[in-house]
Amino acid sequence: MDGATAVTPSVPSAERYVDALLDDLRRRLDTTTDLRTILGHAIAAVSADLDLVPGEGPSSTVALLRWAEDVVDAAVLGDSTIVLGTRDGTTERLTDDRLASIAPEQRRAYLSRLAAGAGYDDEHRRLLVGLQNHERDARNTPGGYWIAEADSNAADHAEVRRYRADDVRWAVLATDGAQRGIDHLDRRWADVAAMGDTELTALLDELHRWEAETDPEGKQLPRAKRHDDKTLVTWPPNQL
């Protein structure tokens, strides 16, 4: 999960929202209920508990992976990613790229400036504010993008996939901050899946240092801000 705090200062923080949604999902996850249904019920419950208003609350991406006897179910909402390795040696990716389609001209403008070396200057911040306004207007709307916030109907639009359990060898769940860095540095996802906790922590630290020391102005890997939250979860952990 990767949370974003709302503009309105009086609403709960993204951290509080993510913690509450994660706790609720843990309680609801079972072996048979559709993941979209579970996510929708969790969003509704947390929204009610925190008294959230659609369009004005904190939000979060969601990536869910469930192994249940003979099947593996995966679901993503927002721009987190699940990468899976199969028994035949191929790699599959489940992601939700609808956010990237919002306000394409504004998005290209700030990305091209970064690639040209302009860095994170005042003009970058101005362009980003304008893009975020477009994103806010398109949140959880038909033709826009969908994310966990206050509208439980967003869960119906999660990207889902089902696999035979025997066909899945490993999986990595990644927030976009981690996924982009790993892809850019050409790290093998199978290697990431084989890492233990210490190695995963070292990898995340390495990604952060690369951003700070090698690409502090976002020229090599254009991105909205120098550092983004980075989370990696591997399954099955250390059992390859």
Protein backbone atom coordinates (compact mmCIF):
# COMPACT_ATOMS: atom_id res chain seq x y z
CA MET A 1 0.00 0.00 0.00
CA ASP A 2 1.18 3.50 -0.84
CA GLY A 3 -0.77 6.32 0.79
CA ALA A 4 -1.27 9.95 -0.19
CA THR A 5 -2.41 12.61 2.27
CA ALA A 6 -5.36 14.81 1.31
CA VAL A 7 -4.97 18.53 0.69
CA THR A 8 -7.52 19.34 3.42
CA PRO A 9 -5.55 19.46 6.70
CA SER A 10 -8.52 18.50 8.89
CA VAL A 11 -8.89 14.96 7.49
CA PRO A 12 -6.93 11.94 8.79
CA SER A 13 -3.39 11.45 7.53
CA ALA A 14 -2.45 8.96 4.85
CA GLU A 15 -0.54 6.95 7.46
CA ARG A 16 -3.64 6.59 9.63
CA TYR A 17 -5.77 5.64 6.62
CA VAL A 18 -3.29 3.04 5.37
CA ASP A 19 -2.90 1.48 8.82
CA ALA A 20 -6.67 1.25 9.27
CA LEU A 21 -7.26 -0.19 5.79
CA LEU A 22 -4.47 -2.73 6.21
CA ASP A 23 -5.82 -3.88 9.57
CA ASP A 24 -9.32 -4.25 8.15
CA LEU A 25 -8.10 -6.19 5.12
CA ARG A 26 -6.19 -8.59 7.36
CA ARG A 27 -9.36 -9.35 9.29
CA ARG A 28 -11.47 -9.85 6.17
CA LEU A 29 -9.17 -11.92 3.99
CA ASP A 30 -10.40 -15.49 3.66
CA THR A 31 -9.86 -18.24 1.12
CA THR A 32 -12.93 -17.85 -1.07
CA THR A 33 -14.40 -14.33 -1.15
CA ASP A 34 -13.61 -12.30 -4.28
CA LEU A 35 -10.75 -9.88 -3.60
CA ARG A 36 -12.71 -6.96 -5.04
CA THR A 37 -15.54 -7.66 -2.60
CA ILE A 38 -13.15 -7.86 0.35
CA LEU A 39 -11.48 -4.61 -0.66
CA GLY A 40 -14.81 -2.83 -1.16
CA HIS A 41 -16.04 -3.83 2.30
CA ALA A 42 -12.76 -2.72 3.85
CA ILE A 43 -12.86 0.68 2.13
CA ALA A 44 -16.47 1.20 3.24
CA ALA A 45 -15.70 0.28 6.85
CA VAL A 46 -12.62 2.48 7.13
CA SER A 47 -14.36 5.38 5.40
CA ALA A 48 -17.18 5.18 7.94
CA ASP A 49 -14.82 4.84 10.91
CA LEU A 50 -12.75 7.85 9.84
CA ASP A 51 -15.75 9.87 8.61
CA LEU A 52 -14.26 10.38 5.15
CA VAL A 53 -15.87 12.22 2.24
CA PRO A 54 -15.25 11.03 -1.34
CA GLY A 55 -12.79 13.28 -3.12
CA GLU A 56 -11.56 14.91 0.08
CA GLY A 57 -9.91 12.09 2.00
CA PRO A 58 -6.53 10.41 2.09
CA SER A 59 -6.04 7.65 -0.47
CA SER A 60 -3.86 4.62 -1.08
CA THR A 61 -2.86 2.16 -3.73
CA VAL A 62 -3.50 -1.50 -2.89
CA ALA A 63 -1.79 -4.71 -3.98
CA LEU A 64 -3.24 -8.01 -2.72
CA LEU A 65 -1.98 -11.54 -3.24
CA ARG A 66 -3.75 -14.60 -1.83
CA TRP A 67 -2.82 -18.26 -2.01
CA ALA A 68 -5.77 -20.56 -1.35
CA GLU A 69 -5.28 -24.28 -1.90
CA ASP A 70 -5.07 -24.64 -5.68
CA VAL A 71 -5.26 -20.99 -6.83
CA VAL A 72 -3.38 -17.72 -6.40
CA ASP A 73 -5.45 -14.54 -6.67
CA ALA A 74 -3.90 -11.13 -7.32
CA ALA A 75 -5.45 -7.66 -7.31
CA VAL A 76 -4.08 -4.14 -7.70
CA LEU A 77 -5.78 -0.77 -7.36
CA GLY A 78 -3.71 2.29 -8.12
CA ASP A 79 -0.15 2.25 -9.44
CA SER A 80 1.38 -0.50 -7.32
CA THR A 81 2.62 -3.62 -9.12
CA ILE A 82 2.69 -7.39 -8.61
CA VAL A 83 5.39 -9.31 -10.49
CA LEU A 84 5.03 -13.09 -10.61
CA GLY A 85 7.43 -15.80 -11.72
CA THR A 86 5.89 -18.90 -13.25
CA ARG A 87 7.02 -22.52 -13.26
CA ASP A 88 7.96 -22.31 -16.94
CA GLY A 89 10.43 -19.51 -16.22
CA THR A 90 8.41 -16.58 -17.55
CA THR A 91 7.58 -13.41 -15.63
CA GLU A 92 4.15 -11.80 -15.55
CA ARG A 93 3.22 -8.37 -14.28
CA LEU A 94 -0.09 -7.08 -12.93
CA THR A 95 -0.30 -3.32 -12.65
CA ASP A 96 -2.83 -0.51 -12.86
CA ASP A 97 -1.59 2.27 -15.15
CA ARG A 98 -4.77 4.33 -15.40
CA LEU A 99 -3.37 7.16 -13.29
CA ALA A 100 -0.63 7.71 -15.89
CA SER A 101 -3.29 8.45 -18.53
CA ILE A 102 -4.64 11.50 -16.68
CA ALA A 103 -3.66 14.94 -18.08
CA PRO A 104 -1.05 13.52 -20.49
CA GLU A 105 0.15 16.92 -21.74
CA GLN A 106 0.89 18.18 -18.22
CA ARG A 107 2.58 14.89 -17.38
CA ARG A 108 4.78 15.00 -20.48
CA ALA A 109 5.68 18.62 -19.71
CA TYR A 110 7.13 17.98 -16.28
CA LEU A 111 8.79 14.70 -17.29
CA SER A 112 10.47 16.25 -20.34
CA ARG A 113 11.76 19.17 -18.26
CA LEU A 114 13.32 16.75 -15.80
CA ALA A 115 14.89 14.71 -18.60
CA ALA A 116 16.38 17.94 -19.98
CA GLY A 117 18.00 18.69 -16.62
CA ALA A 118 15.68 21.40 -15.26
CA GLY A 119 15.45 19.67 -11.89
CA TYR A 120 12.97 20.20 -9.09
CA ASP A 121 12.60 23.97 -9.45
CA ASP A 122 9.65 26.31 -8.95
CA GLU A 123 8.31 25.63 -12.45
CA HIS A 124 8.36 21.90 -11.74
CA ARG A 125 6.35 22.46 -8.58
CA ARG A 126 3.88 24.63 -10.50
CA LEU A 127 3.39 21.97 -13.17
CA LEU A 128 3.00 19.29 -10.53
CA VAL A 129 0.30 21.21 -8.66
CA GLY A 130 -1.65 21.59 -11.89
CA LEU A 131 -1.31 17.88 -12.66
CA GLN A 132 -2.41 16.93 -9.15
CA ASN A 133 -5.51 19.08 -9.55
CA HIS A 134 -6.41 17.15 -12.71
CA GLU A 135 -5.76 13.87 -10.91
CA ARG A 136 -7.97 14.87 -8.01
CA ASP A 137 -10.83 15.69 -10.40
CA ALA A 138 -10.42 12.30 -12.15
CA ARG A 139 -10.18 10.23 -8.97
CA ASN A 140 -12.69 7.38 -8.80
CA THR A 141 -14.62 8.54 -11.85
CA PRO A 142 -15.49 6.73 -15.11
CA GLY A 143 -12.76 7.47 -17.62
CA GLY A 144 -10.43 8.53 -14.81
CA TYR A 145 -8.59 6.30 -12.41
CA TRP A 146 -9.52 4.31 -9.32
CA ILE A 147 -7.89 4.17 -5.93
CA ALA A 148 -8.76 3.27 -2.34
CA GLU A 149 -10.21 6.36 -0.66
CA ALA A 150 -13.78 6.91 0.58
CA ASP A 151 -15.77 5.36 -2.28
CA SER A 152 -16.04 1.59 -1.88
CA ASN A 153 -17.16 1.28 -5.53
CA ALA A 154 -13.53 1.86 -6.51
CA ALA A 155 -12.79 -1.72 -5.51
CA ASP A 156 -15.00 -2.97 -8.36
CA HIS A 157 -12.44 -1.51 -10.77
CA ALA A 158 -9.37 -3.23 -9.33
CA GLU A 159 -7.24 -5.12 -11.83
CA VAL A 160 -7.44 -8.82 -10.93
CA ARG A 161 -5.91 -12.05 -12.13
CA ARG A 162 -6.11 -15.70 -11.07
CA TYR A 163 -3.43 -18.37 -11.46
CA ARG A 164 -3.18 -22.05 -10.73
CA ALA A 165 -1.11 -22.35 -7.56
CA ASP A 166 1.15 -24.93 -9.20
CA ASP A 167 2.04 -22.40 -11.91
CA VAL A 168 3.32 -19.68 -9.56
CA ARG A 169 6.88 -19.95 -8.28
CA TRP A 170 7.28 -16.55 -6.64
CA ALA A 171 5.81 -13.06 -6.46
CA VAL A 172 6.94 -9.57 -5.50
CA LEU A 173 4.52 -6.79 -4.51
CA ALA A 174 6.00 -3.32 -5.01
CA THR A 175 4.95 0.28 -4.64
CA ASP A 176 5.74 2.44 -7.66
CA GLY A 177 8.68 4.10 -5.90
CA ALA A 178 10.42 0.73 -5.58
CA GLN A 179 9.23 -0.71 -8.90
CA ARG A 180 10.50 2.18 -11.02
CA GLY A 181 13.96 2.09 -9.46
CA ILE A 182 14.31 -1.67 -9.81
CA ASP A 183 13.23 -1.57 -13.45
CA HIS A 184 15.49 1.39 -14.25
CA LEU A 185 18.54 -0.27 -12.71
CA ASP A 186 17.73 -3.54 -14.54
CA ARG A 187 17.48 -5.65 -11.41
CA ARG A 188 16.02 -9.10 -11.97
CA TRP A 189 12.72 -9.55 -10.18
CA ALA A 190 13.52 -13.21 -9.58
CA ASP A 191 16.60 -12.09 -7.65
CA VAL A 192 14.49 -9.68 -5.62
CA ALA A 193 12.03 -12.47 -4.83
CA ALA A 194 14.87 -14.59 -3.44
CA MET A 195 16.08 -11.91 -1.03
CA GLY A 196 15.69 -12.13 2.72
CA ASP A 197 14.72 -9.22 4.95
CA THR A 198 18.29 -7.93 5.32
CA GLU A 199 18.89 -8.01 1.57
CA LEU A 200 15.57 -6.31 0.82
CA THR A 201 16.39 -3.54 3.27
CA ALA A 202 19.79 -3.12 1.63
CA LEU A 203 18.17 -2.95 -1.81
CA LEU A 204 15.73 -0.25 -0.70
CA ASP A 205 18.62 1.70 0.84
CA GLU A 206 20.56 1.34 -2.42
CA LEU A 207 17.62 2.71 -4.43
CA HIS A 208 17.34 5.68 -2.07
CA ARG A 209 21.08 6.41 -2.33
CA TRP A 210 20.97 6.17 -6.13
CA GLU A 211 18.22 8.80 -6.19
CA ALA A 212 20.10 11.06 -3.78
CA GLU A 213 23.63 10.72 -5.14
CA THR A 214 23.40 9.66 -8.80
CA ASP A 215 20.11 11.18 -9.98
CA PRO A 216 19.11 13.88 -7.47
CA GLU A 217 17.44 16.05 -10.14
CA GLY A 218 15.47 13.26 -11.81
CA LYS A 219 17.27 13.49 -15.15
CA GLN A 220 18.04 9.79 -15.65
CA LEU A 221 14.76 8.60 -14.16
CA PRO A 222 12.22 11.45 -14.40
CA ARG A 223 9.81 11.26 -11.45
CA ALA A 224 7.54 13.63 -9.57
CA LYS A 225 9.83 13.96 -6.56
CA ARG A 226 13.36 12.99 -5.66
CA HIS A 227 12.28 10.26 -3.25
CA ASP A 228 9.05 8.30 -3.08
CA ASP A 229 7.93 5.74 -0.50
CA LYS A 230 9.34 2.31 -1.30
CA THR A 231 7.86 -0.99 -0.13
CA LEU A 232 8.62 -4.53 -1.27
CA VAL A 233 6.88 -7.74 -0.18
CA THR A 234 8.04 -11.14 -1.42
CA TRP A 235 6.07 -14.40 -1.60
CA PRO A 236 6.81 -17.10 -0.74
CA PRO A 237 9.49 -15.47 1.45
CA ASN A 238 12.91 -17.08 1.04
CA GLN A 239 11.50 -20.38 -0.23
CA LEU A 240 12.71 -20.49 -3.84
